[in-house]
């Protein structure tokens, strides 16, 4: 027998409905009334759970971020040990998988399309107002990178993590190549920071 829905269930249903509506009609056309109807709850329930569209959009984007961070954690799990080469491999895999998923994520695609003149209301949450998003990602990366041996001190690691995340986010918003190409470039950049070797595919093929 199924019990009454919990508050977490209700919030999840509202966020699901918000994502679907955003994909279908654009965030600027999502109203609390439409959202309540789509989620099967009252308008007051939506306000009780989120208070404003700003709070709702942060919850919606944070849920997508958690999915991307799951891919990053899996990349580190796939490259255990503490050697710098394993760290570079983990970062490359994580960057690749995040970029691949971003290109296939309907909600993110709808947000990124704003750079081409579409609905722009969500765009600042991934650009000028993205500090809250970056902080959550930084915490995960700091924890995972701490298990590897590097020559970087705490302050240097902070800088490296910040640059790495901003590079990935920039390519999520406007990729300059395929996920493989971008991930190779990021791995090369990290290898330079760590003082280790990572040869780009073009150089490897050229030397063959």
N, C-alpha and C. Protein backbone atom coordinates (compact mmCIF):
# COMPACT_ATOMS: atom_id res chain seq x y z
N UNK A 1 0.84 -1.20 0.00
CA UNK A 1 0.00 0.00 0.00
C UNK A 1 0.88 1.26 0.00
N UNK A 2 0.59 2.16 -0.89
CA UNK A 2 1.41 3.36 -1.02
C UNK A 2 0.93 4.43 -0.05
N UNK A 3 1.88 5.01 0.71
CA UNK A 3 1.53 6.04 1.67
C UNK A 3 1.35 7.38 1.01
N UNK A 4 0.98 8.36 1.82
CA UNK A 4 0.81 9.73 1.32
C UNK A 4 2.15 10.27 0.85
N UNK A 5 2.14 11.10 -0.19
CA UNK A 5 3.40 11.66 -0.70
C UNK A 5 4.08 12.53 0.35
N UNK A 6 5.38 12.41 0.43
CA UNK A 6 6.15 13.22 1.37
C UNK A 6 6.43 14.59 0.76
N UNK A 7 6.97 15.48 1.59
CA UNK A 7 7.32 16.80 1.08
C UNK A 7 8.38 16.68 0.00
N UNK A 8 9.31 15.73 0.18
CA UNK A 8 10.35 15.53 -0.84
C UNK A 8 9.73 15.09 -2.15
N UNK A 9 8.71 14.22 -2.08
CA UNK A 9 8.02 13.78 -3.30
C UNK A 9 7.36 14.96 -4.00
N UNK A 10 6.72 15.81 -3.20
CA UNK A 10 6.03 16.97 -3.75
C UNK A 10 7.00 17.93 -4.42
N UNK A 11 8.11 18.22 -3.74
CA UNK A 11 9.12 19.11 -4.32
C UNK A 11 9.69 18.52 -5.60
N UNK A 12 9.93 17.22 -5.59
CA UNK A 12 10.46 16.56 -6.78
C UNK A 12 9.50 16.64 -7.94
N UNK A 13 8.20 16.47 -7.65
CA UNK A 13 7.20 16.54 -8.71
C UNK A 13 7.12 17.95 -9.29
N UNK A 14 7.23 18.95 -8.43
CA UNK A 14 7.19 20.34 -8.91
C UNK A 14 8.41 20.64 -9.77
N UNK A 15 9.58 20.20 -9.33
CA UNK A 15 10.80 20.43 -10.11
C UNK A 15 10.72 19.70 -11.45
N UNK A 16 10.21 18.48 -11.44
CA UNK A 16 10.01 17.74 -12.70
C UNK A 16 9.13 18.53 -13.66
N UNK A 17 8.02 19.03 -13.12
CA UNK A 17 7.08 19.78 -13.96
C UNK A 17 7.72 21.06 -14.48
N UNK A 18 8.51 21.73 -13.64
CA UNK A 18 9.19 22.96 -14.06
C UNK A 18 10.15 22.69 -15.21
N UNK A 19 10.90 21.59 -15.11
CA UNK A 19 11.84 21.24 -16.16
C UNK A 19 11.12 20.94 -17.48
N UNK A 20 10.03 20.18 -17.40
CA UNK A 20 9.29 19.83 -18.61
C UNK A 20 8.67 21.07 -19.26
N UNK A 21 8.13 21.95 -18.44
CA UNK A 21 7.53 23.16 -18.98
C UNK A 21 8.60 24.07 -19.61
N UNK A 22 9.76 24.15 -18.96
CA UNK A 22 10.84 24.98 -19.49
C UNK A 22 11.27 24.48 -20.85
N UNK A 23 11.39 23.18 -20.99
CA UNK A 23 11.78 22.58 -22.27
C UNK A 23 10.71 22.85 -23.33
N UNK A 24 9.45 22.78 -22.91
CA UNK A 24 8.34 22.90 -23.86
C UNK A 24 8.06 24.34 -24.28
N UNK A 25 8.05 25.28 -23.31
CA UNK A 25 7.59 26.63 -23.64
C UNK A 25 8.58 27.72 -23.27
N UNK A 26 9.69 27.37 -22.60
CA UNK A 26 10.66 28.38 -22.18
C UNK A 26 10.35 28.87 -20.78
N UNK A 27 11.41 29.14 -20.01
CA UNK A 27 11.24 29.52 -18.61
C UNK A 27 10.42 30.79 -18.43
N UNK A 28 10.57 31.75 -19.32
CA UNK A 28 9.84 33.02 -19.18
C UNK A 28 8.33 32.82 -19.29
N UNK A 29 7.91 31.71 -19.88
CA UNK A 29 6.48 31.43 -20.02
C UNK A 29 5.94 30.51 -18.94
N UNK A 30 6.80 30.12 -18.01
CA UNK A 30 6.36 29.26 -16.91
C UNK A 30 5.81 30.14 -15.80
N UNK A 31 4.53 29.97 -15.47
CA UNK A 31 3.92 30.69 -14.36
C UNK A 31 3.65 29.71 -13.22
N UNK A 32 3.47 30.23 -12.03
CA UNK A 32 3.19 29.37 -10.88
C UNK A 32 1.88 28.61 -11.08
N UNK A 33 0.92 29.23 -11.76
CA UNK A 33 -0.36 28.57 -12.02
C UNK A 33 -0.18 27.39 -12.98
N UNK A 34 0.54 27.64 -14.10
CA UNK A 34 0.80 26.56 -15.04
C UNK A 34 1.59 25.43 -14.38
N UNK A 35 2.54 25.82 -13.55
CA UNK A 35 3.37 24.84 -12.87
C UNK A 35 2.56 24.00 -11.91
N UNK A 36 1.67 24.65 -11.16
CA UNK A 36 0.81 23.92 -10.23
C UNK A 36 -0.06 22.91 -10.97
N UNK A 37 -0.64 23.34 -12.09
CA UNK A 37 -1.49 22.44 -12.88
C UNK A 37 -0.67 21.25 -13.40
N UNK A 38 0.53 21.52 -13.90
CA UNK A 38 1.36 20.45 -14.46
C UNK A 38 1.82 19.47 -13.39
N UNK A 39 2.06 19.98 -12.18
CA UNK A 39 2.54 19.12 -11.09
C UNK A 39 1.41 18.45 -10.34
N UNK A 40 0.18 18.88 -10.58
CA UNK A 40 -0.96 18.29 -9.88
C UNK A 40 -1.06 18.72 -8.43
N UNK A 41 -0.65 19.96 -8.16
CA UNK A 41 -0.73 20.50 -6.80
C UNK A 41 -1.37 21.88 -6.87
N UNK A 42 -1.64 22.46 -5.71
CA UNK A 42 -2.22 23.79 -5.69
C UNK A 42 -1.14 24.85 -5.92
N UNK A 43 -1.57 26.02 -6.36
CA UNK A 43 -0.65 27.13 -6.55
C UNK A 43 0.01 27.51 -5.22
N UNK A 44 -0.76 27.43 -4.15
CA UNK A 44 -0.23 27.75 -2.83
C UNK A 44 0.86 26.77 -2.43
N UNK A 45 0.70 25.50 -2.82
CA UNK A 45 1.72 24.50 -2.50
C UNK A 45 3.04 24.84 -3.17
N UNK A 46 2.97 25.30 -4.42
CA UNK A 46 4.19 25.70 -5.12
C UNK A 46 4.88 26.83 -4.37
N UNK A 47 4.10 27.82 -3.96
CA UNK A 47 4.68 28.94 -3.22
C UNK A 47 5.21 28.51 -1.85
N UNK A 48 4.49 27.58 -1.21
CA UNK A 48 4.95 27.10 0.10
C UNK A 48 6.29 26.39 -0.01
N UNK A 49 6.49 25.66 -1.09
CA UNK A 49 7.72 24.87 -1.26
C UNK A 49 8.88 25.72 -1.74
N UNK A 50 8.62 26.70 -2.61
CA UNK A 50 9.73 27.41 -3.24
C UNK A 50 9.71 28.93 -3.03
N UNK A 51 8.56 29.50 -2.79
CA UNK A 51 8.51 30.92 -2.48
C UNK A 51 8.59 31.83 -3.70
N UNK A 52 9.48 31.53 -4.62
CA UNK A 52 9.65 32.38 -5.80
C UNK A 52 10.21 31.54 -6.95
N UNK A 53 10.12 32.11 -8.14
CA UNK A 53 10.68 31.43 -9.31
C UNK A 53 12.20 31.32 -9.20
N UNK A 54 12.82 32.29 -8.55
CA UNK A 54 14.28 32.25 -8.38
C UNK A 54 14.70 31.03 -7.56
N UNK A 55 13.99 30.77 -6.47
CA UNK A 55 14.30 29.59 -5.65
C UNK A 55 14.03 28.31 -6.41
N UNK A 56 12.97 28.33 -7.18
CA UNK A 56 12.62 27.14 -7.96
C UNK A 56 13.68 26.83 -9.01
N UNK A 57 14.16 27.86 -9.72
CA UNK A 57 15.13 27.61 -10.77
C UNK A 57 16.45 27.11 -10.18
N UNK A 58 16.82 27.60 -9.00
CA UNK A 58 18.03 27.10 -8.38
C UNK A 58 17.90 25.63 -8.03
N UNK A 59 16.72 25.22 -7.55
CA UNK A 59 16.50 23.81 -7.25
C UNK A 59 16.53 22.97 -8.51
N UNK A 60 15.97 23.51 -9.59
CA UNK A 60 15.94 22.79 -10.85
C UNK A 60 17.36 22.61 -11.40
N UNK A 61 18.15 23.66 -11.37
CA UNK A 61 19.52 23.57 -11.88
C UNK A 61 20.39 22.73 -10.95
N UNK A 62 20.17 22.84 -9.63
CA UNK A 62 20.96 22.05 -8.70
C UNK A 62 20.73 20.56 -8.91
N UNK A 63 19.50 20.18 -9.23
CA UNK A 63 19.24 18.77 -9.50
C UNK A 63 20.01 18.29 -10.73
N UNK A 64 20.09 19.13 -11.75
CA UNK A 64 20.87 18.75 -12.93
C UNK A 64 22.35 18.68 -12.57
N UNK A 65 22.81 19.62 -11.73
CA UNK A 65 24.22 19.61 -11.31
C UNK A 65 24.55 18.31 -10.58
N UNK A 66 23.65 17.84 -9.73
CA UNK A 66 23.89 16.60 -9.00
C UNK A 66 24.06 15.43 -9.96
N UNK A 67 23.32 15.44 -11.05
CA UNK A 67 23.47 14.38 -12.04
C UNK A 67 24.85 14.44 -12.72
N UNK A 68 25.29 15.65 -13.00
CA UNK A 68 26.62 15.80 -13.60
C UNK A 68 27.72 15.41 -12.61
N UNK A 69 27.54 15.76 -11.34
CA UNK A 69 28.55 15.42 -10.33
C UNK A 69 28.62 13.92 -10.10
N UNK A 70 27.52 13.22 -10.33
CA UNK A 70 27.54 11.75 -10.26
C UNK A 70 28.48 11.20 -11.33
N UNK A 71 28.46 11.80 -12.51
CA UNK A 71 29.37 11.37 -13.59
C UNK A 71 30.82 11.65 -13.20
N UNK A 72 31.06 12.80 -12.57
CA UNK A 72 32.42 13.16 -12.14
C UNK A 72 32.91 12.17 -11.08
N UNK A 73 32.07 11.86 -10.11
CA UNK A 73 32.45 10.91 -9.06
C UNK A 73 32.76 9.54 -9.65
N UNK A 74 31.97 9.14 -10.64
CA UNK A 74 32.21 7.85 -11.28
C UNK A 74 33.55 7.85 -12.01
N UNK A 75 33.91 8.98 -12.61
CA UNK A 75 35.20 9.07 -13.31
C UNK A 75 36.35 8.88 -12.32
N UNK A 76 36.25 9.46 -11.15
CA UNK A 76 37.29 9.27 -10.14
C UNK A 76 37.30 7.84 -9.62
N UNK A 77 36.13 7.25 -9.46
CA UNK A 77 36.05 5.85 -9.03
C UNK A 77 36.70 4.92 -10.05
N UNK A 78 36.61 5.29 -11.32
CA UNK A 78 37.19 4.47 -12.39
C UNK A 78 38.71 4.60 -12.47
N UNK A 79 39.26 5.57 -11.77
CA UNK A 79 40.72 5.78 -11.79
C UNK A 79 41.24 5.91 -10.36
N UNK A 80 41.26 4.80 -9.65
CA UNK A 80 41.70 4.81 -8.26
C UNK A 80 43.23 4.95 -8.15
N UNK A 81 43.70 4.98 -6.93
CA UNK A 81 45.13 5.15 -6.72
C UNK A 81 45.42 6.59 -6.37
N UNK A 82 46.70 6.93 -6.33
CA UNK A 82 47.05 8.30 -5.97
C UNK A 82 48.05 8.95 -6.91
N UNK A 83 48.30 8.32 -8.05
CA UNK A 83 49.28 8.86 -9.00
C UNK A 83 48.69 10.01 -9.82
N UNK A 84 49.51 11.00 -10.16
CA UNK A 84 49.04 12.13 -10.98
C UNK A 84 48.43 11.69 -12.31
N UNK A 85 48.99 10.64 -12.92
CA UNK A 85 48.45 10.17 -14.20
C UNK A 85 47.00 9.71 -14.05
N UNK A 86 46.71 9.07 -12.91
CA UNK A 86 45.34 8.63 -12.66
C UNK A 86 44.42 9.83 -12.45
N UNK A 87 44.93 10.85 -11.80
CA UNK A 87 44.14 12.07 -11.59
C UNK A 87 43.81 12.72 -12.93
N UNK A 88 44.80 12.81 -13.80
CA UNK A 88 44.56 13.41 -15.12
C UNK A 88 43.53 12.59 -15.90
N UNK A 89 43.65 11.28 -15.82
CA UNK A 89 42.69 10.41 -16.52
C UNK A 89 41.28 10.59 -15.96
N UNK A 90 41.18 10.74 -14.65
CA UNK A 90 39.87 10.93 -14.02
C UNK A 90 39.25 12.26 -14.45
N UNK A 91 40.07 13.30 -14.47
CA UNK A 91 39.57 14.62 -14.87
C UNK A 91 39.16 14.61 -16.34
N UNK A 92 39.97 13.94 -17.18
CA UNK A 92 39.62 13.88 -18.60
C UNK A 92 38.29 13.16 -18.79
N UNK A 93 38.12 12.01 -18.13
CA UNK A 93 36.88 11.25 -18.26
C UNK A 93 35.69 12.05 -17.73
N UNK A 94 35.89 12.69 -16.58
CA UNK A 94 34.80 13.47 -16.00
C UNK A 94 34.39 14.62 -16.91
N UNK A 95 35.36 15.33 -17.47
CA UNK A 95 35.06 16.44 -18.38
C UNK A 95 34.33 15.93 -19.62
N UNK A 96 34.83 14.84 -20.17
CA UNK A 96 34.19 14.26 -21.36
C UNK A 96 32.74 13.88 -21.09
N UNK A 97 32.51 13.17 -19.99
CA UNK A 97 31.16 12.67 -19.70
C UNK A 97 30.20 13.80 -19.40
N UNK A 98 30.68 14.83 -18.71
CA UNK A 98 29.83 15.99 -18.42
C UNK A 98 29.46 16.70 -19.72
N UNK A 99 30.43 16.92 -20.60
CA UNK A 99 30.16 17.60 -21.86
C UNK A 99 29.24 16.79 -22.77
N UNK A 100 29.44 15.48 -22.76
CA UNK A 100 28.58 14.60 -23.57
C UNK A 100 27.15 14.65 -23.06
N UNK A 101 26.99 14.56 -21.73
CA UNK A 101 25.66 14.60 -21.14
C UNK A 101 25.00 15.97 -21.34
N UNK A 102 25.80 17.03 -21.25
CA UNK A 102 25.26 18.38 -21.43
C UNK A 102 24.67 18.55 -22.82
N UNK A 103 25.36 17.98 -23.81
CA UNK A 103 24.90 18.10 -25.19
C UNK A 103 23.60 17.33 -25.43
N UNK A 104 23.31 16.37 -24.55
CA UNK A 104 22.13 15.51 -24.72
C UNK A 104 21.04 15.84 -23.70
N UNK A 105 21.27 16.82 -22.83
CA UNK A 105 20.33 17.16 -21.77
C UNK A 105 19.33 18.20 -22.29
N UNK A 106 18.05 17.85 -22.44
CA UNK A 106 17.08 18.78 -23.04
C UNK A 106 16.94 20.09 -22.28
N UNK A 107 16.97 20.02 -20.94
CA UNK A 107 16.82 21.24 -20.16
C UNK A 107 18.01 22.16 -20.37
N UNK A 108 19.21 21.59 -20.31
CA UNK A 108 20.40 22.41 -20.48
C UNK A 108 20.48 22.96 -21.90
N UNK A 109 20.09 22.17 -22.87
CA UNK A 109 20.09 22.64 -24.26
C UNK A 109 19.15 23.83 -24.41
N UNK A 110 18.00 23.79 -23.72
CA UNK A 110 17.06 24.91 -23.81
C UNK A 110 17.63 26.17 -23.18
N UNK A 111 18.43 26.00 -22.11
CA UNK A 111 19.07 27.15 -21.47
C UNK A 111 20.18 27.69 -22.37
N UNK A 112 21.02 26.81 -22.86
CA UNK A 112 22.16 27.22 -23.69
C UNK A 112 21.68 27.88 -24.97
N UNK A 113 20.52 27.48 -25.47
CA UNK A 113 20.00 28.07 -26.70
C UNK A 113 19.74 29.56 -26.54
N UNK A 114 19.68 30.03 -25.27
CA UNK A 114 19.48 31.46 -25.04
C UNK A 114 20.64 32.28 -25.59
N UNK A 115 21.81 31.66 -25.73
CA UNK A 115 22.95 32.40 -26.30
C UNK A 115 22.72 32.71 -27.77
N UNK A 116 21.71 32.09 -28.34
CA UNK A 116 21.40 32.33 -29.75
C UNK A 116 20.09 33.09 -29.91
N UNK A 117 19.71 33.85 -28.88
CA UNK A 117 18.56 34.74 -29.01
C UNK A 117 17.26 34.18 -28.48
N UNK A 118 17.29 33.03 -27.83
CA UNK A 118 16.06 32.46 -27.29
C UNK A 118 15.83 32.99 -25.88
N UNK A 119 15.07 32.26 -25.08
CA UNK A 119 14.73 32.65 -23.71
C UNK A 119 16.01 32.89 -22.89
N UNK A 120 16.17 34.12 -22.40
CA UNK A 120 17.42 34.46 -21.73
C UNK A 120 17.32 34.53 -20.22
N UNK A 121 16.16 34.32 -19.65
CA UNK A 121 15.97 34.51 -18.21
C UNK A 121 16.79 33.55 -17.37
N UNK A 122 17.02 32.33 -17.87
CA UNK A 122 17.78 31.33 -17.11
C UNK A 122 19.28 31.48 -17.27
N UNK A 123 19.71 32.14 -18.32
CA UNK A 123 21.13 32.18 -18.67
C UNK A 123 22.03 32.68 -17.54
N UNK A 124 21.67 33.73 -16.80
CA UNK A 124 22.56 34.21 -15.74
C UNK A 124 22.88 33.18 -14.66
N UNK A 125 21.99 32.20 -14.47
CA UNK A 125 22.24 31.19 -13.44
C UNK A 125 23.42 30.28 -13.80
N UNK A 126 23.81 30.30 -15.07
CA UNK A 126 24.96 29.52 -15.51
C UNK A 126 26.14 30.40 -15.89
N UNK A 127 25.95 31.72 -15.76
CA UNK A 127 27.03 32.64 -16.14
C UNK A 127 27.32 33.62 -15.02
N UNK A 128 26.73 34.80 -15.06
CA UNK A 128 27.07 35.85 -14.10
C UNK A 128 26.61 35.56 -12.68
N UNK A 129 25.62 34.67 -12.51
CA UNK A 129 25.12 34.35 -11.18
C UNK A 129 25.39 32.88 -10.82
N UNK A 130 26.50 32.35 -11.29
CA UNK A 130 26.76 30.91 -11.14
C UNK A 130 27.62 30.56 -9.93
N UNK A 131 27.96 31.54 -9.08
CA UNK A 131 28.86 31.25 -7.96
C UNK A 131 28.31 30.16 -7.04
N UNK A 132 27.01 30.20 -6.77
CA UNK A 132 26.42 29.20 -5.88
C UNK A 132 26.52 27.79 -6.49
N UNK A 133 26.41 27.73 -7.81
CA UNK A 133 26.54 26.45 -8.51
C UNK A 133 27.98 25.94 -8.46
N UNK A 134 28.93 26.85 -8.69
CA UNK A 134 30.35 26.48 -8.69
C UNK A 134 30.81 26.01 -7.32
N UNK A 135 30.29 26.60 -6.25
CA UNK A 135 30.72 26.23 -4.91
C UNK A 135 30.42 24.76 -4.63
N UNK A 136 29.24 24.29 -5.04
CA UNK A 136 28.90 22.89 -4.83
C UNK A 136 29.82 21.96 -5.60
N UNK A 137 30.13 22.33 -6.83
CA UNK A 137 31.02 21.51 -7.65
C UNK A 137 32.44 21.53 -7.10
N UNK A 138 32.88 22.70 -6.61
CA UNK A 138 34.22 22.80 -6.05
C UNK A 138 34.40 21.86 -4.86
N UNK A 139 33.40 21.78 -4.01
CA UNK A 139 33.49 20.93 -2.83
C UNK A 139 33.71 19.47 -3.22
N UNK A 140 33.00 19.02 -4.24
CA UNK A 140 33.15 17.64 -4.70
C UNK A 140 34.55 17.41 -5.27
N UNK A 141 35.02 18.33 -6.12
CA UNK A 141 36.34 18.17 -6.73
C UNK A 141 37.46 18.22 -5.70
N UNK A 142 37.35 19.12 -4.75
CA UNK A 142 38.37 19.20 -3.70
C UNK A 142 38.48 17.88 -2.94
N UNK A 143 37.34 17.31 -2.62
CA UNK A 143 37.34 16.05 -1.88
C UNK A 143 37.98 14.93 -2.69
N UNK A 144 37.65 14.85 -3.98
CA UNK A 144 38.17 13.77 -4.80
C UNK A 144 39.64 13.97 -5.14
N UNK A 145 40.04 15.20 -5.45
CA UNK A 145 41.44 15.47 -5.81
C UNK A 145 42.36 15.25 -4.62
N UNK A 146 41.84 15.46 -3.41
CA UNK A 146 42.65 15.27 -2.21
C UNK A 146 43.21 13.88 -2.04
N UNK A 147 42.66 12.90 -2.74
CA UNK A 147 43.16 11.53 -2.63
C UNK A 147 44.34 11.22 -3.52
N UNK A 148 44.79 12.19 -4.30
CA UNK A 148 45.91 11.98 -5.23
C UNK A 148 47.14 12.77 -4.78
N UNK A 149 48.29 12.27 -5.14
CA UNK A 149 49.54 12.97 -4.82
C UNK A 149 49.82 14.01 -5.90
N UNK A 150 49.92 15.26 -5.47
CA UNK A 150 50.27 16.33 -6.40
C UNK A 150 51.28 17.26 -5.72
N UNK A 151 51.84 18.14 -6.51
CA UNK A 151 52.79 19.12 -5.98
C UNK A 151 52.10 20.44 -5.63
N UNK A 152 50.79 20.48 -5.73
CA UNK A 152 50.05 21.70 -5.49
C UNK A 152 49.73 21.87 -4.01
N UNK A 153 49.92 23.07 -3.51
CA UNK A 153 49.50 23.40 -2.16
C UNK A 153 48.02 23.73 -2.14
N UNK A 154 47.44 23.98 -0.95
CA UNK A 154 46.02 24.28 -0.84
C UNK A 154 45.57 25.46 -1.69
N UNK A 155 46.33 26.57 -1.65
CA UNK A 155 45.95 27.75 -2.41
C UNK A 155 46.03 27.48 -3.91
N UNK A 156 47.06 26.74 -4.32
CA UNK A 156 47.21 26.41 -5.75
C UNK A 156 46.10 25.46 -6.20
N UNK A 157 45.73 24.53 -5.33
CA UNK A 157 44.63 23.62 -5.67
C UNK A 157 43.33 24.38 -5.84
N UNK A 158 43.08 25.36 -4.96
CA UNK A 158 41.88 26.19 -5.08
C UNK A 158 41.82 26.86 -6.45
N UNK A 159 42.95 27.42 -6.88
CA UNK A 159 42.99 28.10 -8.17
C UNK A 159 42.77 27.11 -9.31
N UNK A 160 43.43 25.96 -9.22
CA UNK A 160 43.32 24.95 -10.28
C UNK A 160 41.89 24.45 -10.41
N UNK A 161 41.22 24.18 -9.28
CA UNK A 161 39.85 23.69 -9.31
C UNK A 161 38.93 24.76 -9.90
N UNK A 162 39.12 26.01 -9.51
CA UNK A 162 38.29 27.09 -10.02
C UNK A 162 38.44 27.23 -11.54
N UNK A 163 39.68 27.22 -12.01
CA UNK A 163 39.95 27.35 -13.45
C UNK A 163 39.36 26.15 -14.21
N UNK A 164 39.53 24.97 -13.65
CA UNK A 164 39.02 23.76 -14.29
C UNK A 164 37.51 23.81 -14.44
N UNK A 165 36.81 24.15 -13.38
CA UNK A 165 35.35 24.19 -13.43
C UNK A 165 34.85 25.26 -14.39
N UNK A 166 35.50 26.41 -14.37
CA UNK A 166 35.06 27.48 -15.27
C UNK A 166 35.33 27.13 -16.73
N UNK A 167 36.39 26.38 -16.97
CA UNK A 167 36.68 25.95 -18.34
C UNK A 167 35.60 24.98 -18.82
N UNK A 168 35.24 24.03 -17.96
CA UNK A 168 34.21 23.06 -18.35
C UNK A 168 32.87 23.77 -18.56
N UNK A 169 32.50 24.65 -17.62
CA UNK A 169 31.23 25.35 -17.75
C UNK A 169 31.19 26.21 -19.01
N UNK A 170 32.31 26.83 -19.34
CA UNK A 170 32.39 27.64 -20.56
C UNK A 170 32.12 26.78 -21.79
N UNK A 171 32.68 25.57 -21.80
CA UNK A 171 32.48 24.69 -22.95
C UNK A 171 31.09 24.06 -22.95
N UNK A 172 30.46 23.94 -21.78
CA UNK A 172 29.07 23.52 -21.73
C UNK A 172 28.21 24.56 -22.42
N UNK A 173 28.49 25.84 -22.14
CA UNK A 173 27.71 26.92 -22.72
C UNK A 173 28.00 27.11 -24.21
N UNK A 174 29.27 26.98 -24.59
CA UNK A 174 29.64 27.20 -25.99
C UNK A 174 30.82 26.31 -26.36
N UNK A 175 30.56 25.04 -26.67
CA UNK A 175 31.66 24.12 -26.98
C UNK A 175 32.42 24.54 -28.22
N UNK A 176 33.73 24.31 -28.19
CA UNK A 176 34.57 24.65 -29.34
C UNK A 176 35.02 23.41 -30.10
N UNK A 177 34.49 22.26 -29.72
CA UNK A 177 34.86 21.02 -30.37
C UNK A 177 34.01 19.90 -29.81
N UNK A 178 34.38 18.68 -30.11
CA UNK A 178 33.66 17.52 -29.60
C UNK A 178 34.03 17.31 -28.13
N UNK A 179 33.23 16.55 -27.37
CA UNK A 179 33.59 16.24 -25.98
C UNK A 179 34.99 15.63 -25.86
N UNK A 180 35.36 14.77 -26.81
CA UNK A 180 36.69 14.17 -26.78
C UNK A 180 37.78 15.23 -26.95
N UNK A 181 37.60 16.12 -27.91
CA UNK A 181 38.61 17.15 -28.17
C UNK A 181 38.76 18.10 -26.98
N UNK A 182 37.64 18.52 -26.43
CA UNK A 182 37.68 19.45 -25.30
C UNK A 182 38.29 18.77 -24.07
N UNK A 183 37.89 17.51 -23.82
CA UNK A 183 38.41 16.78 -22.66
C UNK A 183 39.92 16.57 -22.79
N UNK A 184 40.40 16.32 -24.00
CA UNK A 184 41.85 16.19 -24.21
C UNK A 184 42.56 17.49 -23.89
N UNK A 185 41.98 18.61 -24.31
CA UNK A 185 42.59 19.90 -24.04
C UNK A 185 42.63 20.21 -22.54
N UNK A 186 41.56 19.87 -21.85
CA UNK A 186 41.52 20.09 -20.40
C UNK A 186 42.53 19.19 -19.69
N UNK A 187 42.65 17.95 -20.14
CA UNK A 187 43.63 17.03 -19.56
C UNK A 187 45.05 17.55 -19.78
N UNK A 188 45.30 18.07 -20.96
CA UNK A 188 46.62 18.64 -21.24
C UNK A 188 46.90 19.82 -20.31
N UNK A 189 45.92 20.70 -20.13
CA UNK A 189 46.09 21.85 -19.25
C UNK A 189 46.41 21.40 -17.83
N UNK A 190 45.67 20.41 -17.33
CA UNK A 190 45.90 19.92 -15.96
C UNK A 190 47.28 19.28 -15.85
N UNK A 191 47.69 18.57 -16.89
CA UNK A 191 49.02 17.93 -16.85
C UNK A 191 50.12 18.97 -16.73
N UNK A 192 49.94 20.13 -17.36
CA UNK A 192 50.93 21.20 -17.25
C UNK A 192 50.97 21.74 -15.82
N UNK A 193 49.83 21.85 -15.19
CA UNK A 193 49.77 22.32 -13.81
C UNK A 193 50.47 21.35 -12.86
N UNK A 194 50.34 20.07 -13.17
CA UNK A 194 50.90 19.05 -12.30
C UNK A 194 52.33 18.69 -12.65
N UNK A 195 52.83 19.23 -13.75
CA UNK A 195 54.19 18.92 -14.15
C UNK A 195 54.36 17.52 -14.67
N UNK A 196 53.32 16.95 -15.26
CA UNK A 196 53.38 15.61 -15.82
C UNK A 196 53.10 15.67 -17.32
N UNK A 197 53.18 14.52 -17.96
CA UNK A 197 53.01 14.48 -19.41
C UNK A 197 51.62 14.00 -19.81
N UNK A 198 51.01 14.70 -20.73
CA UNK A 198 49.79 14.24 -21.41
C UNK A 198 49.91 14.71 -22.84
N UNK A 199 50.04 13.75 -23.74
CA UNK A 199 50.24 14.08 -25.15
C UNK A 199 48.89 14.13 -25.85
N UNK A 200 48.63 15.22 -26.53
CA UNK A 200 47.38 15.35 -27.28
C UNK A 200 47.34 14.34 -28.42
N UNK A 201 46.16 13.85 -28.77
CA UNK A 201 46.05 12.82 -29.82
C UNK A 201 46.74 13.19 -31.13
N UNK A 202 46.63 14.49 -31.52
CA UNK A 202 47.27 14.89 -32.78
C UNK A 202 48.78 14.70 -32.72
N UNK A 203 49.34 15.03 -31.55
CA UNK A 203 50.79 14.87 -31.39
C UNK A 203 51.18 13.39 -31.37
N UNK A 204 50.32 12.57 -30.75
CA UNK A 204 50.61 11.13 -30.69
C UNK A 204 50.58 10.53 -32.09
N UNK A 205 49.56 10.92 -32.88
CA UNK A 205 49.46 10.36 -34.23
C UNK A 205 50.58 10.88 -35.12
N UNK A 206 50.98 12.12 -34.89
CA UNK A 206 52.06 12.70 -35.68
C UNK A 206 53.39 12.07 -35.42
N UNK A 207 53.55 11.54 -34.18
CA UNK A 207 54.82 10.93 -33.81
C UNK A 207 54.87 9.47 -34.20
N UNK A 208 53.71 8.92 -34.59
CA UNK A 208 53.67 7.49 -34.90
C UNK A 208 54.40 7.20 -36.21
